Amino acid sequence: MNADQLKGQWKQFKGELKQQYGKFTDDDLTQIEGNYEKFVGKIQERYGDKKDELMKWADQWHQKSVPDDIKTRM
């Protein structure tokens, strides 16, 4: 998932992120507000040892949330 994808899907993504990775607080999500650099920073802060796992999960979430007709244009 890149910066544009995160920003565009932030509202949908943040609910599932918090459900899957409970260490993110509401304040964290407000601070991130779709900003990719802040997202990566909070991952490092909250889940430093699981950063790769969380980033892989985010990529998989994005892939399943994008409609097939849009995927073919990517």
N, C-alpha and C. Protein backbone atom coordinates (compact mmCIF):
# COMPACT_ATOMS: atom_id res chain seq x y z
N MET A 1 0.86 -1.17 0.00
CA MET A 1 0.00 0.00 0.00
C MET A 1 0.90 1.23 0.00
N ASN A 2 0.63 2.13 -0.90
CA ASN A 2 1.44 3.35 -0.95
C ASN A 2 0.69 4.52 -0.32
N ALA A 3 1.30 5.69 -0.33
CA ALA A 3 0.74 6.87 0.34
C ALA A 3 -0.62 7.27 -0.23
N ASP A 4 -0.75 7.28 -1.55
CA ASP A 4 -2.03 7.67 -2.17
C ASP A 4 -3.13 6.67 -1.84
N GLN A 5 -2.80 5.41 -1.84
CA GLN A 5 -3.78 4.37 -1.54
C GLN A 5 -4.25 4.49 -0.09
N LEU A 6 -3.33 4.73 0.82
CA LEU A 6 -3.68 4.87 2.23
C LEU A 6 -4.59 6.07 2.42
N LYS A 7 -4.24 7.18 1.84
CA LYS A 7 -5.04 8.40 1.99
C LYS A 7 -6.45 8.20 1.44
N GLY A 8 -6.55 7.55 0.29
CA GLY A 8 -7.84 7.35 -0.34
C GLY A 8 -8.75 6.38 0.39
N GLN A 9 -8.18 5.46 1.12
CA GLN A 9 -8.98 4.43 1.79
C GLN A 9 -8.91 4.53 3.31
N TRP A 10 -8.45 5.63 3.82
CA TRP A 10 -8.20 5.77 5.25
C TRP A 10 -9.42 5.44 6.11
N LYS A 11 -10.57 5.98 5.76
CA LYS A 11 -11.75 5.78 6.62
C LYS A 11 -12.11 4.30 6.74
N GLN A 12 -12.03 3.57 5.64
CA GLN A 12 -12.33 2.15 5.69
C GLN A 12 -11.22 1.37 6.39
N PHE A 13 -9.99 1.77 6.12
CA PHE A 13 -8.83 1.05 6.61
C PHE A 13 -8.66 1.16 8.12
N LYS A 14 -8.87 2.35 8.67
CA LYS A 14 -8.55 2.56 10.09
C LYS A 14 -9.38 1.69 11.03
N GLY A 15 -10.62 1.40 10.68
CA GLY A 15 -11.43 0.54 11.54
C GLY A 15 -10.88 -0.88 11.60
N GLU A 16 -10.53 -1.40 10.46
CA GLU A 16 -9.98 -2.76 10.42
C GLU A 16 -8.59 -2.80 11.03
N LEU A 17 -7.82 -1.73 10.85
CA LEU A 17 -6.49 -1.65 11.45
C LEU A 17 -6.58 -1.75 12.96
N LYS A 18 -7.46 -0.96 13.54
CA LYS A 18 -7.59 -0.96 15.00
C LYS A 18 -8.12 -2.30 15.50
N GLN A 19 -9.02 -2.91 14.75
CA GLN A 19 -9.55 -4.21 15.14
C GLN A 19 -8.46 -5.28 15.08
N GLN A 20 -7.65 -5.25 14.05
CA GLN A 20 -6.61 -6.27 13.86
C GLN A 20 -5.40 -6.02 14.77
N TYR A 21 -5.04 -4.76 14.94
CA TYR A 21 -3.86 -4.39 15.72
C TYR A 21 -4.28 -3.40 16.80
N GLY A 22 -4.69 -3.92 17.94
CA GLY A 22 -5.31 -3.14 19.00
C GLY A 22 -4.44 -2.13 19.73
N LYS A 23 -3.15 -2.11 19.47
CA LYS A 23 -2.30 -1.14 20.15
C LYS A 23 -2.47 0.27 19.60
N PHE A 24 -3.11 0.40 18.45
CA PHE A 24 -3.37 1.73 17.90
C PHE A 24 -4.52 2.36 18.68
N THR A 25 -4.30 3.57 19.17
CA THR A 25 -5.33 4.28 19.92
C THR A 25 -6.12 5.18 18.97
N ASP A 26 -7.25 5.69 19.46
CA ASP A 26 -8.01 6.65 18.66
C ASP A 26 -7.17 7.89 18.38
N ASP A 27 -6.35 8.29 19.35
CA ASP A 27 -5.44 9.44 19.14
C ASP A 27 -4.43 9.14 18.04
N ASP A 28 -3.90 7.92 18.01
CA ASP A 28 -2.97 7.53 16.94
C ASP A 28 -3.63 7.69 15.58
N LEU A 29 -4.84 7.17 15.47
CA LEU A 29 -5.55 7.20 14.19
C LEU A 29 -5.88 8.63 13.78
N THR A 30 -6.20 9.47 14.75
CA THR A 30 -6.46 10.89 14.46
C THR A 30 -5.18 11.57 13.98
N GLN A 31 -4.06 11.26 14.62
CA GLN A 31 -2.78 11.86 14.21
C GLN A 31 -2.36 11.38 12.83
N ILE A 32 -2.58 10.12 12.53
CA ILE A 32 -2.18 9.57 11.23
C ILE A 32 -3.03 10.17 10.12
N GLU A 33 -4.34 10.14 10.30
CA GLU A 33 -5.34 10.69 9.36
C GLU A 33 -4.98 10.52 7.89
N GLY A 34 -4.55 9.30 7.54
CA GLY A 34 -4.27 8.98 6.15
C GLY A 34 -2.88 9.35 5.67
N ASN A 35 -2.03 9.87 6.55
CA ASN A 35 -0.66 10.24 6.16
C ASN A 35 0.24 9.02 6.26
N TYR A 36 0.80 8.62 5.14
CA TYR A 36 1.59 7.39 5.08
C TYR A 36 2.82 7.43 5.99
N GLU A 37 3.52 8.54 6.00
CA GLU A 37 4.73 8.63 6.84
C GLU A 37 4.38 8.52 8.32
N LYS A 38 3.29 9.15 8.72
CA LYS A 38 2.86 9.05 10.12
C LYS A 38 2.40 7.62 10.44
N PHE A 39 1.75 6.98 9.48
CA PHE A 39 1.32 5.60 9.64
C PHE A 39 2.51 4.69 9.89
N VAL A 40 3.52 4.81 9.06
CA VAL A 40 4.73 3.99 9.21
C VAL A 40 5.41 4.29 10.55
N GLY A 41 5.45 5.55 10.93
CA GLY A 41 6.05 5.92 12.22
C GLY A 41 5.31 5.29 13.40
N LYS A 42 3.99 5.31 13.34
CA LYS A 42 3.20 4.71 14.43
C LYS A 42 3.35 3.19 14.45
N ILE A 43 3.48 2.59 13.28
CA ILE A 43 3.74 1.15 13.24
C ILE A 43 5.04 0.86 13.97
N GLN A 44 6.06 1.64 13.65
CA GLN A 44 7.38 1.44 14.28
C GLN A 44 7.28 1.64 15.79
N GLU A 45 6.53 2.66 16.21
CA GLU A 45 6.39 2.97 17.63
C GLU A 45 5.62 1.88 18.38
N ARG A 46 4.53 1.42 17.81
CA ARG A 46 3.65 0.46 18.50
C ARG A 46 4.03 -0.99 18.26
N TYR A 47 4.56 -1.29 17.07
CA TYR A 47 4.81 -2.67 16.66
C TYR A 47 6.17 -2.83 16.01
N GLY A 48 7.19 -2.23 16.55
CA GLY A 48 8.51 -2.26 15.93
C GLY A 48 8.96 -3.62 15.47
N ASP A 49 8.76 -4.64 16.30
CA ASP A 49 9.22 -5.98 15.96
C ASP A 49 8.31 -6.67 14.95
N LYS A 50 7.10 -6.14 14.73
CA LYS A 50 6.15 -6.74 13.80
C LYS A 50 5.87 -5.84 12.60
N LYS A 51 6.75 -4.89 12.35
CA LYS A 51 6.52 -3.92 11.28
C LYS A 51 6.29 -4.61 9.94
N ASP A 52 7.14 -5.54 9.58
CA ASP A 52 7.01 -6.22 8.29
C ASP A 52 5.68 -6.98 8.19
N GLU A 53 5.30 -7.62 9.28
CA GLU A 53 4.03 -8.36 9.31
C GLU A 53 2.85 -7.40 9.11
N LEU A 54 2.88 -6.28 9.78
CA LEU A 54 1.79 -5.32 9.68
C LEU A 54 1.72 -4.70 8.30
N MET A 55 2.86 -4.38 7.71
CA MET A 55 2.88 -3.80 6.36
C MET A 55 2.35 -4.82 5.34
N LYS A 56 2.69 -6.08 5.53
CA LYS A 56 2.18 -7.13 4.64
C LYS A 56 0.67 -7.23 4.78
N TRP A 57 0.16 -7.17 6.01
CA TRP A 57 -1.28 -7.21 6.24
C TRP A 57 -1.96 -6.03 5.54
N ALA A 58 -1.37 -4.83 5.64
CA ALA A 58 -1.93 -3.63 5.00
C ALA A 58 -1.99 -3.81 3.48
N ASP A 59 -0.95 -4.37 2.90
CA ASP A 59 -0.94 -4.62 1.45
C ASP A 59 -2.04 -5.62 1.07
N GLN A 60 -2.18 -6.66 1.86
CA GLN A 60 -3.22 -7.66 1.57
C GLN A 60 -4.61 -7.05 1.73
N TRP A 61 -4.80 -6.22 2.75
CA TRP A 61 -6.08 -5.55 2.95
C TRP A 61 -6.41 -4.69 1.73
N HIS A 62 -5.43 -3.95 1.26
CA HIS A 62 -5.65 -3.09 0.10
C HIS A 62 -6.02 -3.92 -1.13
N GLN A 63 -5.32 -5.00 -1.36
CA GLN A 63 -5.59 -5.83 -2.53
C GLN A 63 -7.00 -6.40 -2.53
N LYS A 64 -7.50 -6.80 -1.37
CA LYS A 64 -8.84 -7.37 -1.35
C LYS A 64 -9.92 -6.30 -1.31
N SER A 65 -9.58 -5.07 -0.99
CA SER A 65 -10.58 -4.01 -0.91
C SER A 65 -10.76 -3.24 -2.22
N VAL A 66 -9.84 -3.41 -3.15
CA VAL A 66 -9.91 -2.71 -4.43
C VAL A 66 -10.75 -3.54 -5.40
N PRO A 67 -11.78 -2.93 -6.00
CA PRO A 67 -12.60 -3.68 -6.97
C PRO A 67 -11.76 -4.19 -8.14
N ASP A 68 -12.14 -5.33 -8.69
CA ASP A 68 -11.38 -5.96 -9.77
C ASP A 68 -11.20 -5.06 -10.98
N ASP A 69 -12.22 -4.25 -11.33
CA ASP A 69 -12.08 -3.39 -12.50
C ASP A 69 -11.02 -2.31 -12.31
N ILE A 70 -10.81 -1.90 -11.08
CA ILE A 70 -9.76 -0.93 -10.80
C ILE A 70 -8.40 -1.60 -10.79
N LYS A 71 -8.33 -2.84 -10.27
CA LYS A 71 -7.05 -3.57 -10.26
C LYS A 71 -6.49 -3.73 -11.66
N THR A 72 -7.34 -3.94 -12.63
CA THR A 72 -6.85 -4.14 -13.99
C THR A 72 -6.26 -2.84 -14.57
N ARG A 73 -6.65 -1.71 -14.02
CA ARG A 73 -6.09 -0.42 -14.48
C ARG A 73 -4.81 -0.04 -13.76
N MET A 74 -4.46 -0.76 -12.72
CA MET A 74 -3.27 -0.42 -11.92
C MET A 74 -2.00 -0.88 -12.59
